[in-house]
Each structure stands twice: as C-alpha cells, then as structure tokens.
Amino acid sequence: KEKSSVVINPAAFTHYSYALRDACAALTGSGLSLIEVHISNPHSRETFRHNSVISGVATGVIAGFGIDSYLLALEQLSRR
C-alpha cells in the first residue's frame, strides 16, 4: 500500500514561521508522517537557532548528519 509522507528542511523558517507550522500541523493531523530535517545540528549553533516551531508538530526530527540526514529520514519513513 502506498502512503504519502513529508520530509522538510524548514531552514530559516524553522525559528519563526507559524504559517509553515500550521501547514505541517494540518498534514500530521490528517495522518501523514512528517520528518523535520536539518543538515547541521541547530543545537550546536547560535542560541536563537535552538528553537523550532515545527518540531512540536513533526513526527520526528533528524539533524546534524549532513546530506545523510535526508537519507535517514527516508529510511525511517520506509519502515512506517
């Protein structure tokens, strides 16, 4: 059975885009899985980057593994 999922790197929108958060919440609220991905680890960067408005509505978060972060997200979603 085919199932849709979302992998998103919200980049600079991570910290303040409540419109994007609401859209992500609508997706996860409808039963879709959504993985928030970051190439770097935001928690190892400036303090203002530590907060994500998306994480609270995401199914999961993968960060800090470079481009492999996307592969890890896809691998996890393939197991659902």
PDB file of N, CA and C in Angstrom:
ATOM      1  N   LYS A   1       0.845  -1.181   0.000  1.00  0.00           N
ATOM      2  CA  LYS A   1       0.000   0.000   0.000  1.00  0.00           C
ATOM      3  C   LYS A   1       0.889   1.243   0.000  1.00  0.00           C
ATOM      4  N   GLU A   2       0.582   2.162  -0.874  1.00  0.00           N
ATOM      5  CA  GLU A   2       1.340   3.403  -0.980  1.00  0.00           C
ATOM      6  C   GLU A   2       0.854   4.402   0.064  1.00  0.00           C
ATOM      7  N   LYS A   3       1.798   5.091   0.695  1.00  0.00           N
ATOM      8  CA  LYS A   3       1.442   6.084   1.699  1.00  0.00           C
ATOM      9  C   LYS A   3       2.313   7.320   1.511  1.00  0.00           C
ATOM     10  N   SER A   4       1.705   8.471   1.572  1.00  0.00           N
ATOM     11  CA  SER A   4       2.445   9.725   1.428  1.00  0.00           C
ATOM     12  C   SER A   4       3.047  10.146   2.758  1.00  0.00           C
ATOM     13  N   SER A   5       4.196  10.767   2.675  1.00  0.00           N
ATOM     14  CA  SER A   5       4.892  11.321   3.832  1.00  0.00           C
ATOM     15  C   SER A   5       5.597  12.590   3.388  1.00  0.00           C
ATOM     16  N   VAL A   6       6.089  13.344   4.350  1.00  0.00           N
ATOM     17  CA  VAL A   6       6.771  14.599   4.048  1.00  0.00           C
ATOM     18  C   VAL A   6       8.118  14.630   4.754  1.00  0.00           C
ATOM     19  N   VAL A   7       9.149  15.017   4.008  1.00  0.00           N
ATOM     20  CA  VAL A   7      10.454  15.338   4.576  1.00  0.00           C
ATOM     21  C   VAL A   7      10.660  16.820   4.298  1.00  0.00           C
ATOM     22  N   ILE A   8      10.890  17.595   5.347  1.00  0.00           N
ATOM     23  CA  ILE A   8      11.013  19.045   5.180  1.00  0.00           C
ATOM     24  C   ILE A   8      12.252  19.570   5.897  1.00  0.00           C
ATOM     25  N   ASN A   9      12.989  20.415   5.201  1.00  0.00           N
ATOM     26  CA  ASN A   9      14.053  21.189   5.821  1.00  0.00           C
ATOM     27  C   ASN A   9      13.558  22.636   5.842  1.00  0.00           C
ATOM     28  N   PRO A  10      13.020  23.077   6.975  1.00  0.00           N
ATOM     29  CA  PRO A  10      12.442  24.413   7.012  1.00  0.00           C
ATOM     30  C   PRO A  10      13.470  25.546   7.026  1.00  0.00           C
ATOM     31  N   ALA A  11      14.751  25.212   7.153  1.00  0.00           N
ATOM     32  CA  ALA A  11      15.836  26.201   7.092  1.00  0.00           C
ATOM     33  C   ALA A  11      15.525  27.392   8.002  1.00  0.00           C
ATOM     34  N   ALA A  12      15.633  28.603   7.488  1.00  0.00           N
ATOM     35  CA  ALA A  12      15.426  29.800   8.319  1.00  0.00           C
ATOM     36  C   ALA A  12      13.996  29.910   8.845  1.00  0.00           C
ATOM     37  N   PHE A  13      13.041  29.260   8.180  1.00  0.00           N
ATOM     38  CA  PHE A  13      11.650  29.288   8.642  1.00  0.00           C
ATOM     39  C   PHE A  13      11.450  28.485   9.928  1.00  0.00           C
ATOM     40  N   THR A  14      12.429  27.666  10.281  1.00  0.00           N
ATOM     41  CA  THR A  14      12.370  26.829  11.479  1.00  0.00           C
ATOM     42  C   THR A  14      12.002  27.627  12.719  1.00  0.00           C
ATOM     43  N   HIS A  15      12.534  28.808  12.837  1.00  0.00           N
ATOM     44  CA  HIS A  15      12.503  29.544  14.090  1.00  0.00           C
ATOM     45  C   HIS A  15      11.307  30.471  14.270  1.00  0.00           C
ATOM     46  N   TYR A  16      10.604  30.781  13.167  1.00  0.00           N
ATOM     47  CA  TYR A  16       9.565  31.802  13.316  1.00  0.00           C
ATOM     48  C   TYR A  16       8.341  31.634  12.421  1.00  0.00           C
ATOM     49  N   SER A  17       8.331  30.679  11.513  1.00  0.00           N
ATOM     50  CA  SER A  17       7.217  30.608  10.562  1.00  0.00           C
ATOM     51  C   SER A  17       6.044  29.808  11.127  1.00  0.00           C
ATOM     52  N   TYR A  18       5.154  30.534  11.781  1.00  0.00           N
ATOM     53  CA  TYR A  18       3.969  29.875  12.334  1.00  0.00           C
ATOM     54  C   TYR A  18       2.999  29.455  11.236  1.00  0.00           C
ATOM     55  N   ALA A  19       3.048  30.111  10.088  1.00  0.00           N
ATOM     56  CA  ALA A  19       2.223  29.679   8.951  1.00  0.00           C
ATOM     57  C   ALA A  19       2.683  28.310   8.466  1.00  0.00           C
ATOM     58  N   LEU A  20       3.999  28.108   8.379  1.00  0.00           N
ATOM     59  CA  LEU A  20       4.531  26.801   7.989  1.00  0.00           C
ATOM     60  C   LEU A  20       4.208  25.763   9.055  1.00  0.00           C
ATOM     61  N   ARG A  21       4.300  26.149  10.319  1.00  0.00           N
ATOM     62  CA  ARG A  21       3.951  25.235  11.409  1.00  0.00           C
ATOM     63  C   ARG A  21       2.497  24.790  11.290  1.00  0.00           C
ATOM     64  N   ASP A  22       1.607  25.724  11.021  1.00  0.00           N
ATOM     65  CA  ASP A  22       0.192  25.387  10.886  1.00  0.00           C
ATOM     66  C   ASP A  22      -0.045  24.439   9.711  1.00  0.00           C
ATOM     67  N   ALA A  23       0.665  24.658   8.610  1.00  0.00           N
ATOM     68  CA  ALA A  23       0.539  23.763   7.454  1.00  0.00           C
ATOM     69  C   ALA A  23       1.048  22.365   7.800  1.00  0.00           C
ATOM     70  N   CYS A  24       2.172  22.296   8.508  1.00  0.00           N
ATOM     71  CA  CYS A  24       2.712  20.995   8.926  1.00  0.00           C
ATOM     72  C   CYS A  24       1.763  20.301   9.897  1.00  0.00           C
ATOM     73  N   ALA A  25       1.163  21.067  10.802  1.00  0.00           N
ATOM     74  CA  ALA A  25       0.202  20.502  11.755  1.00  0.00           C
ATOM     75  C   ALA A  25      -1.008  19.933  11.030  1.00  0.00           C
ATOM     76  N   ALA A  26      -1.449  20.600   9.975  1.00  0.00           N
ATOM     77  CA  ALA A  26      -2.579  20.088   9.195  1.00  0.00           C
ATOM     78  C   ALA A  26      -2.216  18.761   8.537  1.00  0.00           C
ATOM     79  N   LEU A  27      -0.990  18.654   8.046  1.00  0.00           N
ATOM     80  CA  LEU A  27      -0.550  17.400   7.417  1.00  0.00           C
ATOM     81  C   LEU A  27      -0.476  16.265   8.426  1.00  0.00           C
ATOM     82  N   THR A  28       0.185  16.503   9.554  1.00  0.00           N
ATOM     83  CA  THR A  28       0.304  15.431  10.547  1.00  0.00           C
ATOM     84  C   THR A  28      -1.049  15.134  11.183  1.00  0.00           C
ATOM     85  N   GLY A  29      -1.888  16.157  11.301  1.00  0.00           N
ATOM     86  CA  GLY A  29      -3.231  15.949  11.833  1.00  0.00           C
ATOM     87  C   GLY A  29      -4.095  15.082  10.943  1.00  0.00           C
ATOM     88  N   SER A  30      -3.763  15.052   9.658  1.00  0.00           N
ATOM     89  CA  SER A  30      -4.514  14.212   8.716  1.00  0.00           C
ATOM     90  C   SER A  30      -3.953  12.795   8.639  1.00  0.00           C
ATOM     91  N   GLY A  31      -2.916  12.530   9.432  1.00  0.00           N
ATOM     92  CA  GLY A  31      -2.358  11.182   9.470  1.00  0.00           C
ATOM     93  C   GLY A  31      -1.062  10.986   8.707  1.00  0.00           C
ATOM     94  N   LEU A  32      -0.586  12.018   8.027  1.00  0.00           N
ATOM     95  CA  LEU A  32       0.685  11.894   7.311  1.00  0.00           C
ATOM     96  C   LEU A  32       1.853  11.990   8.285  1.00  0.00           C
ATOM     97  N   SER A  33       2.922  11.284   7.978  1.00  0.00           N
ATOM     98  CA  SER A  33       4.157  11.415   8.746  1.00  0.00           C
ATOM     99  C   SER A  33       4.952  12.580   8.182  1.00  0.00           C
ATOM    100  N   LEU A  34       5.586  13.347   9.063  1.00  0.00           N
ATOM    101  CA  LEU A  34       6.397  14.487   8.651  1.00  0.00           C
ATOM    102  C   LEU A  34       7.687  14.481   9.452  1.00  0.00           C
ATOM    103  N   ILE A  35       8.803  14.412   8.752  1.00  0.00           N
ATOM    104  CA  ILE A  35      10.112  14.429   9.394  1.00  0.00           C
ATOM    105  C   ILE A  35      10.765  15.781   9.120  1.00  0.00           C
ATOM    106  N   GLU A  36      11.143  16.469  10.178  1.00  0.00           N
ATOM    107  CA  GLU A  36      11.887  17.733  10.065  1.00  0.00           C
ATOM    108  C   GLU A  36      13.369  17.383   9.972  1.00  0.00           C
ATOM    109  N   VAL A  37      14.039  17.898   8.942  1.00  0.00           N
ATOM    110  CA  VAL A  37      15.440  17.570   8.685  1.00  0.00           C
ATOM    111  C   VAL A  37      16.279  18.843   8.698  1.00  0.00           C
ATOM    112  N   HIS A  38      17.459  18.730   9.302  1.00  0.00           N
ATOM    113  CA  HIS A  38      18.455  19.804   9.248  1.00  0.00           C
ATOM    114  C   HIS A  38      19.801  19.178   8.923  1.00  0.00           C
ATOM    115  N   ILE A  39      20.512  19.777   7.986  1.00  0.00           N
ATOM    116  CA  ILE A  39      21.820  19.261   7.594  1.00  0.00           C
ATOM    117  C   ILE A  39      22.811  19.412   8.746  1.00  0.00           C
ATOM    118  N   SER A  40      22.789  20.571   9.397  1.00  0.00           N
ATOM    119  CA  SER A  40      23.639  20.777  10.572  1.00  0.00           C
ATOM    120  C   SER A  40      22.806  20.526  11.826  1.00  0.00           C
ATOM    121  N   ASN A  41      23.456  20.544  12.969  1.00  0.00           N
ATOM    122  CA  ASN A  41      22.757  20.399  14.241  1.00  0.00           C
ATOM    123  C   ASN A  41      22.464  21.803  14.773  1.00  0.00           C
ATOM    124  N   PRO A  42      21.216  22.240  14.723  1.00  0.00           N
ATOM    125  CA  PRO A  42      20.900  23.600  15.180  1.00  0.00           C
ATOM    126  C   PRO A  42      21.300  23.855  16.632  1.00  0.00           C
ATOM    127  N   HIS A  43      21.346  22.819  17.452  1.00  0.00           N
ATOM    128  CA  HIS A  43      21.686  22.986  18.869  1.00  0.00           C
ATOM    129  C   HIS A  43      23.176  23.208  19.094  1.00  0.00           C
ATOM    130  N   SER A  44      23.979  22.997  18.059  1.00  0.00           N
ATOM    131  CA  SER A  44      25.416  23.271  18.178  1.00  0.00           C
ATOM    132  C   SER A  44      25.760  24.640  17.586  1.00  0.00           C
ATOM    133  N   ARG A  45      24.741  25.384  17.213  1.00  0.00           N
ATOM    134  CA  ARG A  45      24.932  26.703  16.605  1.00  0.00           C
ATOM    135  C   ARG A  45      24.464  27.803  17.564  1.00  0.00           C
ATOM    136  N   GLU A  46      24.210  28.977  17.064  1.00  0.00           N
ATOM    137  CA  GLU A  46      23.808  30.101  17.899  1.00  0.00           C
ATOM    138  C   GLU A  46      22.525  29.772  18.667  1.00  0.00           C
ATOM    139  N   THR A  47      22.396  30.380  19.839  1.00  0.00           N
ATOM    140  CA  THR A  47      21.265  30.095  20.725  1.00  0.00           C
ATOM    141  C   THR A  47      19.918  30.310  20.047  1.00  0.00           C
ATOM    142  N   PHE A  48      19.792  31.350  19.221  1.00  0.00           N
ATOM    143  CA  PHE A  48      18.491  31.616  18.597  1.00  0.00           C
ATOM    144  C   PHE A  48      18.072  30.500  17.651  1.00  0.00           C
ATOM    145  N   ARG A  49      19.006  29.659  17.234  1.00  0.00           N
ATOM    146  CA  ARG A  49      18.684  28.544  16.335  1.00  0.00           C
ATOM    147  C   ARG A  49      18.195  27.298  17.092  1.00  0.00           C
ATOM    148  N   HIS A  50      18.223  27.336  18.401  1.00  0.00           N
ATOM    149  CA  HIS A  50      17.850  26.161  19.198  1.00  0.00           C
ATOM    150  C   HIS A  50      16.352  25.908  19.213  1.00  0.00           C
ATOM    151  N   ASN A  51      15.550  26.901  18.896  1.00  0.00           N
ATOM    152  CA  ASN A  51      14.098  26.746  18.950  1.00  0.00           C
ATOM    153  C   ASN A  51      13.518  26.480  17.563  1.00  0.00           C
ATOM    154  N   SER A  52      12.672  25.467  17.472  1.00  0.00           N
ATOM    155  CA  SER A  52      11.963  25.172  16.229  1.00  0.00           C
ATOM    156  C   SER A  52      10.469  25.215  16.492  1.00  0.00           C
ATOM    157  N   VAL A  53       9.757  25.982  15.684  1.00  0.00           N
ATOM    158  CA  VAL A  53       8.298  25.999  15.812  1.00  0.00           C
ATOM    159  C   VAL A  53       7.678  24.801  15.098  1.00  0.00           C
ATOM    160  N   ILE A  54       8.468  24.091  14.300  1.00  0.00           N
ATOM    161  CA  ILE A  54       7.987  22.939  13.533  1.00  0.00           C
ATOM    162  C   ILE A  54       8.060  21.642  14.345  1.00  0.00           C
ATOM    163  N   SER A  55       9.093  21.493  15.160  1.00  0.00           N
ATOM    164  CA  SER A  55       9.339  20.229  15.874  1.00  0.00           C
ATOM    165  C   SER A  55       8.141  19.723  16.662  1.00  0.00           C
ATOM    166  N   GLY A  56       7.386  20.633  17.240  1.00  0.00           N
ATOM    167  CA  GLY A  56       6.250  20.237  18.060  1.00  0.00           C
ATOM    168  C   GLY A  56       5.130  19.543  17.309  1.00  0.00           C
ATOM    169  N   VAL A  57       5.074  19.721  15.996  1.00  0.00           N
ATOM    170  CA  VAL A  57       4.031  19.071  15.199  1.00  0.00           C
ATOM    171  C   VAL A  57       4.600  18.005  14.261  1.00  0.00           C
ATOM    172  N   ALA A  58       5.929  17.875  14.228  1.00  0.00           N
ATOM    173  CA  ALA A  58       6.573  16.874  13.369  1.00  0.00           C
ATOM    174  C   ALA A  58       6.482  15.492  14.003  1.00  0.00           C
ATOM    175  N   THR A  59       6.483  14.478  13.159  1.00  0.00           N
ATOM    176  CA  THR A  59       6.534  13.097  13.638  1.00  0.00           C
ATOM    177  C   THR A  59       7.892  12.823  14.262  1.00  0.00           C
ATOM    178  N   GLY A  60       8.938  13.408  13.674  1.00  0.00           N
ATOM    179  CA  GLY A  60      10.295  13.238  14.171  1.00  0.00           C
ATOM    180  C   GLY A  60      11.216  14.299  13.605  1.00  0.00           C
ATOM    181  N   VAL A  61      12.417  14.365  14.181  1.00  0.00           N
ATOM    182  CA  VAL A  61      13.425  15.336  13.761  1.00  0.00           C
ATOM    183  C   VAL A  61      14.754  14.616  13.601  1.00  0.00           C
ATOM    184  N   ILE A  62      15.430  14.881  12.486  1.00  0.00           N
ATOM    185  CA  ILE A  62      16.766  14.335  12.246  1.00  0.00           C
ATOM    186  C   ILE A  62      17.663  15.508  11.898  1.00  0.00           C
ATOM    187  N   ALA A  63      18.792  15.636  12.600  1.00  0.00           N
ATOM    188  CA  ALA A  63      19.668  16.787  12.384  1.00  0.00           C
ATOM    189  C   ALA A  63      21.121  16.413  12.612  1.00  0.00           C
ATOM    190  N   GLY A  64      21.986  17.099  11.872  1.00  0.00           N
ATOM    191  CA  GLY A  64      23.408  17.016  12.147  1.00  0.00           C
ATOM    192  C   GLY A  64      24.190  15.973  11.387  1.00  0.00           C
ATOM    193  N   PHE A  65      23.586  15.294  10.443  1.00  0.00           N
ATOM    194  CA  PHE A  65      24.277  14.238   9.707  1.00  0.00           C
ATOM    195  C   PHE A  65      24.570  14.641   8.267  1.00  0.00           C
ATOM    196  N   GLY A  66      24.605  15.939   8.008  1.00  0.00           N
ATOM    197  CA  GLY A  66      24.866  16.415   6.656  1.00  0.00           C
ATOM    198  C   GLY A  66      23.759  15.967   5.712  1.00  0.00           C
ATOM    199  N   ILE A  67      24.129  15.759   4.466  1.00  0.00           N
ATOM    200  CA  ILE A  67      23.164  15.322   3.453  1.00  0.00           C
ATOM    201  C   ILE A  67      22.541  13.978   3.832  1.00  0.00           C
ATOM    202  N   ASP A  68      23.266  13.174   4.590  1.00  0.00           N
ATOM    203  CA  ASP A  68      22.724  11.882   5.032  1.00  0.00           C
ATOM    204  C   ASP A  68      21.483  12.036   5.904  1.00  0.00           C
ATOM    205  N   SER A  69      21.250  13.217   6.449  1.00  0.00           N
ATOM    206  CA  SER A  69      20.030  13.452   7.231  1.00  0.00           C
ATOM    207  C   SER A  69      18.788  13.144   6.402  1.00  0.00           C
ATOM    208  N   TYR A  70      18.830  13.487   5.111  1.00  0.00           N
ATOM    209  CA  TYR A  70      17.697  13.193   4.228  1.00  0.00           C
ATOM    210  C   TYR A  70      17.535  11.686   4.030  1.00  0.00           C
ATOM    211  N   LEU A  71      18.651  10.995   3.853  1.00  0.00           N
ATOM    212  CA  LEU A  71      18.589   9.537   3.674  1.00  0.00           C
ATOM    213  C   LEU A  71      18.055   8.857   4.926  1.00  0.00           C
ATOM    214  N   LEU A  72      18.481   9.332   6.087  1.00  0.00           N
ATOM    215  CA  LEU A  72      17.982   8.768   7.344  1.00  0.00           C
ATOM    216  C   LEU A  72      16.477   8.988   7.482  1.00  0.00           C
ATOM    217  N   ALA A  73      16.007  10.148   7.070  1.00  0.00           N
ATOM    218  CA  ALA A  73      14.565  10.424   7.125  1.00  0.00           C
ATOM    219  C   ALA A  73      13.799   9.485   6.204  1.00  0.00           C
ATOM    220  N   LEU A  74      14.291   9.319   4.985  1.00  0.00           N
ATOM    221  CA  LEU A  74      13.620   8.421   4.039  1.00  0.00           C
ATOM    222  C   LEU A  74      13.652   6.978   4.525  1.00  0.00           C
ATOM    223  N   GLU A  75      14.778   6.580   5.107  1.00  0.00           N
ATOM    224  CA  GLU A  75      14.878   5.216   5.643  1.00  0.00           C
ATOM    225  C   GLU A  75      13.840   4.993   6.738  1.00  0.00           C
ATOM    226  N   GLN A  76      13.707   5.957   7.628  1.00  0.00           N
ATOM    227  CA  GLN A  76      12.730   5.829   8.712  1.00  0.00           C
ATOM    228  C   GLN A  76      11.306   5.785   8.171  1.00  0.00           C
ATOM    229  N   LEU A  77      11.009   6.641   7.221  1.00  0.00           N
ATOM    230  CA  LEU A  77       9.656   6.665   6.662  1.00  0.00           C
ATOM    231  C   LEU A  77       9.329   5.374   5.923  1.00  0.00           C
ATOM    232  N   SER A  78      10.323   4.742   5.335  1.00  0.00           N
ATOM    233  CA  SER A  78      10.081   3.484   4.618  1.00  0.00           C
ATOM    234  C   SER A  78       9.700   2.356   5.571  1.00  0.00           C
ATOM    235  N   ARG A  79      10.001   2.519   6.844  1.00  0.00           N
ATOM    236  CA  ARG A  79       9.674   1.495   7.855  1.00  0.00           C
ATOM    237  C   ARG A  79       8.279   1.667   8.433  1.00  0.00           C
ATOM    238  N   ARG A  80       7.614   2.750   8.116  1.00  0.00           N
ATOM    239  CA  ARG A  80       6.283   3.028   8.691  1.00  0.00           C
ATOM    240  C   ARG A  80       5.202   2.329   7.921  1.00  0.00           C
TER     241      ARG A  80
END
